[in-house]
């Protein structure tokens, strides 16, 4: 497999998970983790989110799109997104456990 094929596959995977390949080295890890969590929650588990949670995730993703807004995102905002992800993960696990009894 050629190097360009690997890069293309990697970039495709990153875009599928809501990440921009060019931002990997430019932003903090917390921002990238929160962006991936927010993207996946809205994509796969939107039905488990409350209205305030969905709005928080959408606002976070919207801020991540623009450099000026991205620089203003604090780590507390990232942790808020990650906490929403943890809460939804617990709901998913609880549903899974109930189905497999």
PDB file of N, CA and C in Angstrom:
ATOM      1  N   UNK A   1       0.840  -1.170   0.000  1.00  0.00           N
ATOM      2  CA  UNK A   1       0.000   0.000   0.000  1.00  0.00           C
ATOM      3  C   UNK A   1       0.890   1.239   0.000  1.00  0.00           C
ATOM      4  N   UNK A   2       0.570   2.191  -0.834  1.00  0.00           N
ATOM      5  CA  UNK A   2       1.366   3.395  -0.949  1.00  0.00           C
ATOM      6  C   UNK A   2       1.098   4.340   0.215  1.00  0.00           C
ATOM      7  N   UNK A   3       2.036   5.233   0.419  1.00  0.00           N
ATOM      8  CA  UNK A   3       1.912   6.214   1.493  1.00  0.00           C
ATOM      9  C   UNK A   3       0.720   7.137   1.265  1.00  0.00           C
ATOM     10  N   UNK A   4       0.478   7.502   0.006  1.00  0.00           N
ATOM     11  CA  UNK A   4      -0.651   8.386  -0.292  1.00  0.00           C
ATOM     12  C   UNK A   4      -1.975   7.688  -0.031  1.00  0.00           C
ATOM     13  N   UNK A   5      -2.027   6.370  -0.258  1.00  0.00           N
ATOM     14  CA  UNK A   5      -3.238   5.613   0.038  1.00  0.00           C
ATOM     15  C   UNK A   5      -3.509   5.601   1.538  1.00  0.00           C
ATOM     16  N   UNK A   6      -2.462   5.433   2.328  1.00  0.00           N
ATOM     17  CA  UNK A   6      -2.613   5.436   3.779  1.00  0.00           C
ATOM     18  C   UNK A   6      -3.075   6.806   4.269  1.00  0.00           C
ATOM     19  N   UNK A   7      -2.489   7.850   3.709  1.00  0.00           N
ATOM     20  CA  UNK A   7      -2.884   9.202   4.095  1.00  0.00           C
ATOM     21  C   UNK A   7      -4.330   9.470   3.714  1.00  0.00           C
ATOM     22  N   UNK A   8      -4.718   9.039   2.543  1.00  0.00           N
ATOM     23  CA  UNK A   8      -6.092   9.225   2.096  1.00  0.00           C
ATOM     24  C   UNK A   8      -7.060   8.471   2.996  1.00  0.00           C
ATOM     25  N   UNK A   9      -6.726   7.238   3.334  1.00  0.00           N
ATOM     26  CA  UNK A   9      -7.576   6.444   4.226  1.00  0.00           C
ATOM     27  C   UNK A   9      -7.667   7.082   5.613  1.00  0.00           C
ATOM     28  N   UNK A  10      -6.543   7.564   6.109  1.00  0.00           N
ATOM     29  CA  UNK A  10      -6.526   8.210   7.424  1.00  0.00           C
ATOM     30  C   UNK A  10      -7.366   9.473   7.422  1.00  0.00           C
ATOM     31  N   UNK A  11      -7.195  10.288   6.391  1.00  0.00           N
ATOM     32  CA  UNK A  11      -7.981  11.523   6.295  1.00  0.00           C
ATOM     33  C   UNK A  11      -9.470  11.218   6.183  1.00  0.00           C
ATOM     34  N   UNK A  12      -9.822  10.178   5.457  1.00  0.00           N
ATOM     35  CA  UNK A  12     -11.227   9.779   5.333  1.00  0.00           C
ATOM     36  C   UNK A  12     -11.793   9.367   6.693  1.00  0.00           C
ATOM     37  N   UNK A  13     -11.027   8.567   7.441  1.00  0.00           N
ATOM     38  CA  UNK A  13     -11.477   8.134   8.763  1.00  0.00           C
ATOM     39  C   UNK A  13     -11.643   9.322   9.699  1.00  0.00           C
ATOM     40  N   UNK A  14     -10.693  10.245   9.665  1.00  0.00           N
ATOM     41  CA  UNK A  14     -10.782  11.426  10.516  1.00  0.00           C
ATOM     42  C   UNK A  14     -12.022  12.249  10.190  1.00  0.00           C
ATOM     43  N   UNK A  15     -12.297  12.439   8.911  1.00  0.00           N
ATOM     44  CA  UNK A  15     -13.476  13.211   8.507  1.00  0.00           C
ATOM     45  C   UNK A  15     -14.762  12.499   8.905  1.00  0.00           C
ATOM     46  N   UNK A  16     -14.773  11.170   8.844  1.00  0.00           N
ATOM     47  CA  UNK A  16     -15.959  10.412   9.259  1.00  0.00           C
ATOM     48  C   UNK A  16     -16.218  10.567  10.751  1.00  0.00           C
ATOM     49  N   UNK A  17     -15.183  10.839  11.518  1.00  0.00           N
ATOM     50  CA  UNK A  17     -15.305  11.017  12.961  1.00  0.00           C
ATOM     51  C   UNK A  17     -15.363  12.488  13.354  1.00  0.00           C
ATOM     52  N   UNK A  18     -15.590  13.357  12.379  1.00  0.00           N
ATOM     53  CA  UNK A  18     -15.797  14.768  12.666  1.00  0.00           C
ATOM     54  C   UNK A  18     -14.546  15.566  12.933  1.00  0.00           C
ATOM     55  N   UNK A  19     -13.392  15.076  12.533  1.00  0.00           N
ATOM     56  CA  UNK A  19     -12.134  15.770  12.774  1.00  0.00           C
ATOM     57  C   UNK A  19     -11.536  16.263  11.465  1.00  0.00           C
ATOM     58  N   UNK A  20     -10.881  17.404  11.525  1.00  0.00           N
ATOM     59  CA  UNK A  20     -10.190  17.934  10.358  1.00  0.00           C
ATOM     60  C   UNK A  20      -8.720  17.523  10.449  1.00  0.00           C
ATOM     61  N   UNK A  21      -8.195  16.864   9.435  1.00  0.00           N
ATOM     62  CA  UNK A  21      -6.802  16.387   9.489  1.00  0.00           C
ATOM     63  C   UNK A  21      -5.785  17.501   9.710  1.00  0.00           C
ATOM     64  N   UNK A  22      -6.034  18.665   9.170  1.00  0.00           N
ATOM     65  CA  UNK A  22      -5.066  19.755   9.297  1.00  0.00           C
ATOM     66  C   UNK A  22      -5.010  20.344  10.705  1.00  0.00           C
ATOM     67  N   UNK A  23      -5.996  20.020  11.546  1.00  0.00           N
ATOM     68  CA  UNK A  23      -6.025  20.550  12.909  1.00  0.00           C
ATOM     69  C   UNK A  23      -5.355  19.634  13.933  1.00  0.00           C
ATOM     70  N   UNK A  24      -4.949  18.453  13.534  1.00  0.00           N
ATOM     71  CA  UNK A  24      -4.398  17.489  14.493  1.00  0.00           C
ATOM     72  C   UNK A  24      -3.200  18.027  15.262  1.00  0.00           C
ATOM     73  N   UNK A  25      -2.358  18.749  14.606  1.00  0.00           N
ATOM     74  CA  UNK A  25      -1.171  19.258  15.281  1.00  0.00           C
ATOM     75  C   UNK A  25      -1.343  20.695  15.752  1.00  0.00           C
ATOM     76  N   UNK A  26      -2.447  21.341  15.392  1.00  0.00           N
ATOM     77  CA  UNK A  26      -2.613  22.760  15.691  1.00  0.00           C
ATOM     78  C   UNK A  26      -3.409  23.043  16.965  1.00  0.00           C
ATOM     79  N   UNK A  27      -4.167  22.065  17.464  1.00  0.00           N
ATOM     80  CA  UNK A  27      -5.023  22.320  18.628  1.00  0.00           C
ATOM     81  C   UNK A  27      -4.721  21.329  19.749  1.00  0.00           C
ATOM     82  N   UNK A  28      -5.220  21.643  20.933  1.00  0.00           N
ATOM     83  CA  UNK A  28      -5.007  20.788  22.102  1.00  0.00           C
ATOM     84  C   UNK A  28      -5.768  19.473  21.962  1.00  0.00           C
ATOM     85  N   UNK A  29      -5.277  18.477  22.662  1.00  0.00           N
ATOM     86  CA  UNK A  29      -5.880  17.147  22.627  1.00  0.00           C
ATOM     87  C   UNK A  29      -7.309  17.181  23.158  1.00  0.00           C
ATOM     88  N   UNK A  30      -7.545  17.976  24.195  1.00  0.00           N
ATOM     89  CA  UNK A  30      -8.889  18.042  24.778  1.00  0.00           C
ATOM     90  C   UNK A  30      -9.913  18.527  23.765  1.00  0.00           C
ATOM     91  N   UNK A  31      -9.518  19.491  22.939  1.00  0.00           N
ATOM     92  CA  UNK A  31     -10.425  19.998  21.910  1.00  0.00           C
ATOM     93  C   UNK A  31     -10.769  18.905  20.898  1.00  0.00           C
ATOM     94  N   UNK A  32      -9.762  18.154  20.497  1.00  0.00           N
ATOM     95  CA  UNK A  32      -9.996  17.081  19.526  1.00  0.00           C
ATOM     96  C   UNK A  32     -10.866  15.973  20.116  1.00  0.00           C
ATOM     97  N   UNK A  33     -10.601  15.606  21.366  1.00  0.00           N
ATOM     98  CA  UNK A  33     -11.407  14.567  22.007  1.00  0.00           C
ATOM     99  C   UNK A  33     -12.857  15.022  22.137  1.00  0.00           C
ATOM    100  N   UNK A  34     -13.050  16.252  22.574  1.00  0.00           N
ATOM    101  CA  UNK A  34     -14.410  16.769  22.744  1.00  0.00           C
ATOM    102  C   UNK A  34     -15.115  16.887  21.402  1.00  0.00           C
ATOM    103  N   UNK A  35     -14.383  17.263  20.364  1.00  0.00           N
ATOM    104  CA  UNK A  35     -14.987  17.372  19.042  1.00  0.00           C
ATOM    105  C   UNK A  35     -15.453  16.006  18.545  1.00  0.00           C
ATOM    106  N   UNK A  36     -14.626  14.997  18.718  1.00  0.00           N
ATOM    107  CA  UNK A  36     -14.997  13.653  18.287  1.00  0.00           C
ATOM    108  C   UNK A  36     -16.203  13.148  19.077  1.00  0.00           C
ATOM    109  N   UNK A  37     -16.215  13.377  20.373  1.00  0.00           N
ATOM    110  CA  UNK A  37     -17.331  12.940  21.214  1.00  0.00           C
ATOM    111  C   UNK A  37     -18.612  13.645  20.798  1.00  0.00           C
ATOM    112  N   UNK A  38     -18.535  14.962  20.613  1.00  0.00           N
ATOM    113  CA  UNK A  38     -19.725  15.728  20.225  1.00  0.00           C
ATOM    114  C   UNK A  38     -20.258  15.257  18.870  1.00  0.00           C
ATOM    115  N   UNK A  39     -19.368  15.055  17.931  1.00  0.00           N
ATOM    116  CA  UNK A  39     -19.783  14.603  16.597  1.00  0.00           C
ATOM    117  C   UNK A  39     -20.471  13.236  16.670  1.00  0.00           C
ATOM    118  N   UNK A  40     -19.864  12.299  17.377  1.00  0.00           N
ATOM    119  CA  UNK A  40     -20.431  10.952  17.460  1.00  0.00           C
ATOM    120  C   UNK A  40     -21.734  10.913  18.248  1.00  0.00           C
ATOM    121  N   UNK A  41     -21.840  11.729  19.287  1.00  0.00           N
ATOM    122  CA  UNK A  41     -23.099  11.774  20.038  1.00  0.00           C
ATOM    123  C   UNK A  41     -24.235  12.287  19.167  1.00  0.00           C
ATOM    124  N   UNK A  42     -23.977  13.348  18.429  1.00  0.00           N
ATOM    125  CA  UNK A  42     -25.029  13.896  17.573  1.00  0.00           C
ATOM    126  C   UNK A  42     -25.357  12.966  16.405  1.00  0.00           C
ATOM    127  N   UNK A  43     -24.364  12.228  15.957  1.00  0.00           N
ATOM    128  CA  UNK A  43     -24.567  11.338  14.818  1.00  0.00           C
ATOM    129  C   UNK A  43     -25.272  10.044  15.212  1.00  0.00           C
ATOM    130  N   UNK A  44     -24.901   9.452  16.336  1.00  0.00           N
ATOM    131  CA  UNK A  44     -25.395   8.127  16.681  1.00  0.00           C
ATOM    132  C   UNK A  44     -26.372   8.081  17.857  1.00  0.00           C
ATOM    133  N   UNK A  45     -26.336   9.057  18.746  1.00  0.00           N
ATOM    134  CA  UNK A  45     -27.143   8.980  19.969  1.00  0.00           C
ATOM    135  C   UNK A  45     -27.948  10.249  20.223  1.00  0.00           C
ATOM    136  N   UNK A  46     -28.364  10.917  19.181  1.00  0.00           N
ATOM    137  CA  UNK A  46     -29.092  12.179  19.338  1.00  0.00           C
ATOM    138  C   UNK A  46     -30.398  11.986  20.106  1.00  0.00           C
ATOM    139  N   UNK A  47     -31.002  10.819  19.986  1.00  0.00           N
ATOM    140  CA  UNK A  47     -32.289  10.576  20.658  1.00  0.00           C
ATOM    141  C   UNK A  47     -32.141  10.521  22.176  1.00  0.00           C
ATOM    142  N   UNK A  48     -30.938  10.278  22.672  1.00  0.00           N
ATOM    143  CA  UNK A  48     -30.701  10.195  24.107  1.00  0.00           C
ATOM    144  C   UNK A  48     -30.299  11.530  24.730  1.00  0.00           C
ATOM    145  N   UNK A  49     -30.182  12.559  23.899  1.00  0.00           N
ATOM    146  CA  UNK A  49     -29.753  13.865  24.386  1.00  0.00           C
ATOM    147  C   UNK A  49     -30.951  14.733  24.739  1.00  0.00           C
ATOM    148  N   UNK A  50     -30.802  15.528  25.775  1.00  0.00           N
ATOM    149  CA  UNK A  50     -31.796  16.541  26.088  1.00  0.00           C
ATOM    150  C   UNK A  50     -31.600  17.735  25.162  1.00  0.00           C
ATOM    151  N   UNK A  51     -32.564  18.634  25.161  1.00  0.00           N
ATOM    152  CA  UNK A  51     -32.459  19.795  24.272  1.00  0.00           C
ATOM    153  C   UNK A  51     -31.245  20.660  24.620  1.00  0.00           C
ATOM    154  N   UNK A  52     -31.010  20.874  25.911  1.00  0.00           N
ATOM    155  CA  UNK A  52     -29.860  21.685  26.321  1.00  0.00           C
ATOM    156  C   UNK A  52     -28.544  21.013  25.952  1.00  0.00           C
ATOM    157  N   UNK A  53     -28.499  19.693  26.090  1.00  0.00           N
ATOM    158  CA  UNK A  53     -27.281  18.956  25.751  1.00  0.00           C
ATOM    159  C   UNK A  53     -27.003  19.035  24.255  1.00  0.00           C
ATOM    160  N   UNK A  54     -28.036  18.844  23.440  1.00  0.00           N
ATOM    161  CA  UNK A  54     -27.864  18.922  21.987  1.00  0.00           C
ATOM    162  C   UNK A  54     -27.414  20.322  21.579  1.00  0.00           C
ATOM    163  N   UNK A  55     -27.987  21.343  22.198  1.00  0.00           N
ATOM    164  CA  UNK A  55     -27.595  22.714  21.882  1.00  0.00           C
ATOM    165  C   UNK A  55     -26.140  22.966  22.279  1.00  0.00           C
ATOM    166  N   UNK A  56     -25.740  22.447  23.424  1.00  0.00           N
ATOM    167  CA  UNK A  56     -24.353  22.598  23.871  1.00  0.00           C
ATOM    168  C   UNK A  56     -23.388  21.955  22.887  1.00  0.00           C
ATOM    169  N   UNK A  57     -23.721  20.743  22.439  1.00  0.00           N
ATOM    170  CA  UNK A  57     -22.848  20.042  21.491  1.00  0.00           C
ATOM    171  C   UNK A  57     -22.795  20.765  20.149  1.00  0.00           C
ATOM    172  N   UNK A  58     -23.949  21.235  19.666  1.00  0.00           N
ATOM    173  CA  UNK A  58     -23.973  21.972  18.397  1.00  0.00           C
ATOM    174  C   UNK A  58     -23.183  23.269  18.495  1.00  0.00           C
ATOM    175  N   UNK A  59     -23.318  23.978  19.608  1.00  0.00           N
ATOM    176  CA  UNK A  59     -22.556  25.219  19.795  1.00  0.00           C
ATOM    177  C   UNK A  59     -21.062  24.942  19.841  1.00  0.00           C
ATOM    178  N   UNK A  60     -20.688  23.845  20.493  1.00  0.00           N
ATOM    179  CA  UNK A  60     -19.271  23.480  20.561  1.00  0.00           C
ATOM    180  C   UNK A  60     -18.724  23.172  19.165  1.00  0.00           C
ATOM    181  N   UNK A  61     -19.453  22.364  18.405  1.00  0.00           N
ATOM    182  CA  UNK A  61     -18.997  22.021  17.051  1.00  0.00           C
ATOM    183  C   UNK A  61     -18.946  23.255  16.159  1.00  0.00           C
ATOM    184  N   UNK A  62     -19.904  24.145  16.340  1.00  0.00           N
ATOM    185  CA  UNK A  62     -19.919  25.374  15.560  1.00  0.00           C
ATOM    186  C   UNK A  62     -18.698  26.222  15.894  1.00  0.00           C
ATOM    187  N   UNK A  63     -18.339  26.302  17.161  1.00  0.00           N
ATOM    188  CA  UNK A  63     -17.157  27.071  17.570  1.00  0.00           C
ATOM    189  C   UNK A  63     -15.876  26.428  17.043  1.00  0.00           C
ATOM    190  N   UNK A  64     -15.854  25.112  16.928  1.00  0.00           N
ATOM    191  CA  UNK A  64     -14.663  24.416  16.429  1.00  0.00           C
ATOM    192  C   UNK A  64     -14.414  24.676  14.947  1.00  0.00           C
ATOM    193  N   UNK A  65     -15.427  25.097  14.226  1.00  0.00           N
ATOM    194  CA  UNK A  65     -15.275  25.328  12.783  1.00  0.00           C
ATOM    195  C   UNK A  65     -14.432  26.559  12.463  1.00  0.00           C
ATOM    196  N   UNK A  66     -14.437  27.530  13.353  1.00  0.00           N
ATOM    197  CA  UNK A  66     -13.797  28.802  13.057  1.00  0.00           C
ATOM    198  C   UNK A  66     -12.644  29.048  14.017  1.00  0.00           C
ATOM    199  N   UNK A  67     -11.514  29.478  13.475  1.00  0.00           N
ATOM    200  CA  UNK A  67     -10.301  29.657  14.259  1.00  0.00           C
ATOM    201  C   UNK A  67     -10.444  30.637  15.403  1.00  0.00           C
ATOM    202  N   UNK A  68     -11.116  31.762  15.175  1.00  0.00           N
ATOM    203  CA  UNK A  68     -11.268  32.758  16.237  1.00  0.00           C
ATOM    204  C   UNK A  68     -12.099  32.207  17.384  1.00  0.00           C
ATOM    205  N   UNK A  69     -13.169  31.530  17.067  1.00  0.00           N
ATOM    206  CA  UNK A  69     -14.023  30.944  18.103  1.00  0.00           C
ATOM    207  C   UNK A  69     -13.314  29.769  18.775  1.00  0.00           C
ATOM    208  N   UNK A  70     -12.551  28.994  17.998  1.00  0.00           N
ATOM    209  CA  UNK A  70     -11.851  27.828  18.537  1.00  0.00           C
ATOM    210  C   UNK A  70     -10.847  28.238  19.600  1.00  0.00           C
ATOM    211  N   UNK A  71     -10.165  29.353  19.387  1.00  0.00           N
ATOM    212  CA  UNK A  71      -9.172  29.816  20.355  1.00  0.00           C
ATOM    213  C   UNK A  71      -9.812  30.241  21.676  1.00  0.00           C
ATOM    214  N   UNK A  72     -11.097  30.575  21.659  1.00  0.00           N
ATOM    215  CA  UNK A  72     -11.787  31.025  22.868  1.00  0.00           C
ATOM    216  C   UNK A  72     -12.390  29.878  23.672  1.00  0.00           C
ATOM    217  N   UNK A  73     -12.364  28.666  23.126  1.00  0.00           N
ATOM    218  CA  UNK A  73     -12.925  27.518  23.845  1.00  0.00           C
ATOM    219  C   UNK A  73     -12.023  27.167  25.016  1.00  0.00           C
ATOM    220  N   UNK A  74     -12.629  27.030  26.181  1.00  0.00           N
ATOM    221  CA  UNK A  74     -11.864  26.697  27.380  1.00  0.00           C
ATOM    222  C   UNK A  74     -11.884  25.185  27.619  1.00  0.00           C
ATOM    223  N   UNK A  75     -11.001  24.744  28.478  1.00  0.00           N
ATOM    224  CA  UNK A  75     -10.970  23.322  28.823  1.00  0.00           C
ATOM    225  C   UNK A  75     -12.233  22.920  29.571  1.00  0.00           C
ATOM    226  N   UNK A  76     -12.829  23.845  30.319  1.00  0.00           N
ATOM    227  CA  UNK A  76     -14.078  23.549  31.025  1.00  0.00           C
ATOM    228  C   UNK A  76     -15.193  23.231  30.036  1.00  0.00           C
ATOM    229  N   UNK A  77     -15.213  23.929  28.903  1.00  0.00           N
ATOM    230  CA  UNK A  77     -16.211  23.632  27.880  1.00  0.00           C
ATOM    231  C   UNK A  77     -15.964  22.252  27.279  1.00  0.00           C
ATOM    232  N   UNK A  78     -14.707  21.904  27.102  1.00  0.00           N
ATOM    233  CA  UNK A  78     -14.376  20.567  26.586  1.00  0.00           C
ATOM    234  C   UNK A  78     -14.829  19.499  27.578  1.00  0.00           C
ATOM    235  N   UNK A  79     -14.577  19.737  28.857  1.00  0.00           N
ATOM    236  CA  UNK A  79     -14.965  18.761  29.878  1.00  0.00           C
ATOM    237  C   UNK A  79     -16.485  18.646  29.974  1.00  0.00           C
ATOM    238  N   UNK A  80     -17.195  19.733  29.738  1.00  0.00           N
ATOM    239  CA  UNK A  80     -18.655  19.687  29.739  1.00  0.00           C
ATOM    240  C   UNK A  80     -19.152  18.764  28.631  1.00  0.00           C
ATOM    241  N   UNK A  81     -18.537  18.870  27.453  1.00  0.00           N
ATOM    242  CA  UNK A  81     -18.899  17.989  26.332  1.00  0.00           C
ATOM    243  C   UNK A  81     -18.569  16.540  26.675  1.00  0.00           C
ATOM    244  N   UNK A  82     -17.408  16.323  27.280  1.00  0.00           N
ATOM    245  CA  UNK A  82     -17.013  14.962  27.650  1.00  0.00           C
ATOM    246  C   UNK A  82     -17.940  14.388  28.721  1.00  0.00           C
ATOM    247  N   UNK A  83     -18.400  15.221  29.651  1.00  0.00           N
ATOM    248  CA  UNK A  83     -19.341  14.759  30.669  1.00  0.00           C
ATOM    249  C   UNK A  83     -20.689  14.384  30.058  1.00  0.00           C
ATOM    250  N   UNK A  84     -21.123  15.131  29.055  1.00  0.00           N
ATOM    251  CA  UNK A  84     -22.346  14.758  28.339  1.00  0.00           C
ATOM    252  C   UNK A  84     -22.145  13.402  27.677  1.00  0.00           C
ATOM    253  N   UNK A  85     -20.965  13.188  27.095  1.00  0.00           N
ATOM    254  CA  UNK A  85     -20.655  11.897  26.479  1.00  0.00           C
ATOM    255  C   UNK A  85     -20.688  10.766  27.481  1.00  0.00           C
ATOM    256  N   UNK A  86     -20.166  10.995  28.676  1.00  0.00           N
ATOM    257  CA  UNK A  86     -20.181   9.977  29.732  1.00  0.00           C
ATOM    258  C   UNK A  86     -21.609   9.657  30.142  1.00  0.00           C
ATOM    259  N   UNK A  87     -22.433  10.685  30.280  1.00  0.00           N
ATOM    260  CA  UNK A  87     -23.827  10.483  30.674  1.00  0.00           C
ATOM    261  C   UNK A  87     -24.589   9.672  29.635  1.00  0.00           C
ATOM    262  N   UNK A  88     -24.387   9.990  28.366  1.00  0.00           N
ATOM    263  CA  UNK A  88     -25.065   9.251  27.297  1.00  0.00           C
ATOM    264  C   UNK A  88     -24.529   7.831  27.224  1.00  0.00           C
ATOM    265  N   UNK A  89     -23.237   7.644  27.447  1.00  0.00           N
ATOM    266  CA  UNK A  89     -22.651   6.307  27.444  1.00  0.00           C
ATOM    267  C   UNK A  89     -23.283   5.437  28.526  1.00  0.00           C
ATOM    268  N   UNK A  90     -23.536   6.022  29.683  1.00  0.00           N
ATOM    269  CA  UNK A  90     -24.204   5.274  30.755  1.00  0.00           C
ATOM    270  C   UNK A  90     -25.614   4.873  30.350  1.00  0.00           C
ATOM    271  N   UNK A  91     -26.320   5.779  29.679  1.00  0.00           N
ATOM    272  CA  UNK A  91     -27.671   5.463  29.211  1.00  0.00           C
ATOM    273  C   UNK A  91     -27.647   4.322  28.194  1.00  0.00           C
ATOM    274  N   UNK A  92     -26.677   4.373  27.286  1.00  0.00           N
ATOM    275  CA  UNK A  92     -26.554   3.324  26.270  1.00  0.00           C
ATOM    276  C   UNK A  92     -26.252   1.990  26.932  1.00  0.00           C
ATOM    277  N   UNK A  93     -25.334   1.987  27.895  1.00  0.00           N
ATOM    278  CA  UNK A  93     -24.996   0.743  28.577  1.00  0.00           C
ATOM    279  C   UNK A  93     -26.184   0.198  29.353  1.00  0.00           C
ATOM    280  N   UNK A  94     -26.943   1.080  29.977  1.00  0.00           N
ATOM    281  CA  UNK A  94     -28.120   0.656  30.733  1.00  0.00           C
ATOM    282  C   UNK A  94     -29.151   0.013  29.807  1.00  0.00           C
ATOM    283  N   UNK A  95     -29.371   0.605  28.639  1.00  0.00           N
ATOM    284  CA  UNK A  95     -30.292   0.017  27.661  1.00  0.00           C
ATOM    285  C   UNK A  95     -29.781  -1.336  27.180  1.00  0.00           C
ATOM    286  N   UNK A  96     -28.491  -1.424  26.919  1.00  0.00           N
ATOM    287  CA  UNK A  96     -27.885  -2.672  26.464  1.00  0.00           C
ATOM    288  C   UNK A  96     -28.053  -3.764  27.517  1.00  0.00           C
ATOM    289  N   UNK A  97     -27.839  -3.412  28.778  1.00  0.00           N
ATOM    290  CA  UNK A  97     -27.963  -4.375  29.863  1.00  0.00           C
ATOM    291  C   UNK A  97     -29.403  -4.862  30.003  1.00  0.00           C
ATOM    292  N   UNK A  98     -30.370  -3.957  29.856  1.00  0.00           N
ATOM    293  CA  UNK A  98     -31.772  -4.344  29.939  1.00  0.00           C
ATOM    294  C   UNK A  98     -32.182  -5.265  28.794  1.00  0.00           C
ATOM    295  N   UNK A  99     -31.626  -5.055  27.625  1.00  0.00           N
ATOM    296  CA  UNK A  99     -31.954  -5.903  26.475  1.00  0.00           C
ATOM    297  C   UNK A  99     -31.378  -7.304  26.611  1.00  0.00           C
ATOM    298  N   UNK A 100     -30.265  -7.436  27.294  1.00  0.00           N
ATOM    299  CA  UNK A 100     -29.588  -8.725  27.387  1.00  0.00           C
ATOM    300  C   UNK A 100     -29.872  -9.489  28.689  1.00  0.00           C
ATOM    301  N   UNK A 101     -30.922  -9.131  29.371  1.00  0.00           N
ATOM    302  CA  UNK A 101     -31.294  -9.881  30.584  1.00  0.00           C
ATOM    303  C   UNK A 101     -32.007 -11.151  30.228  1.00  0.00           C
TER     304      UNK A 101
END
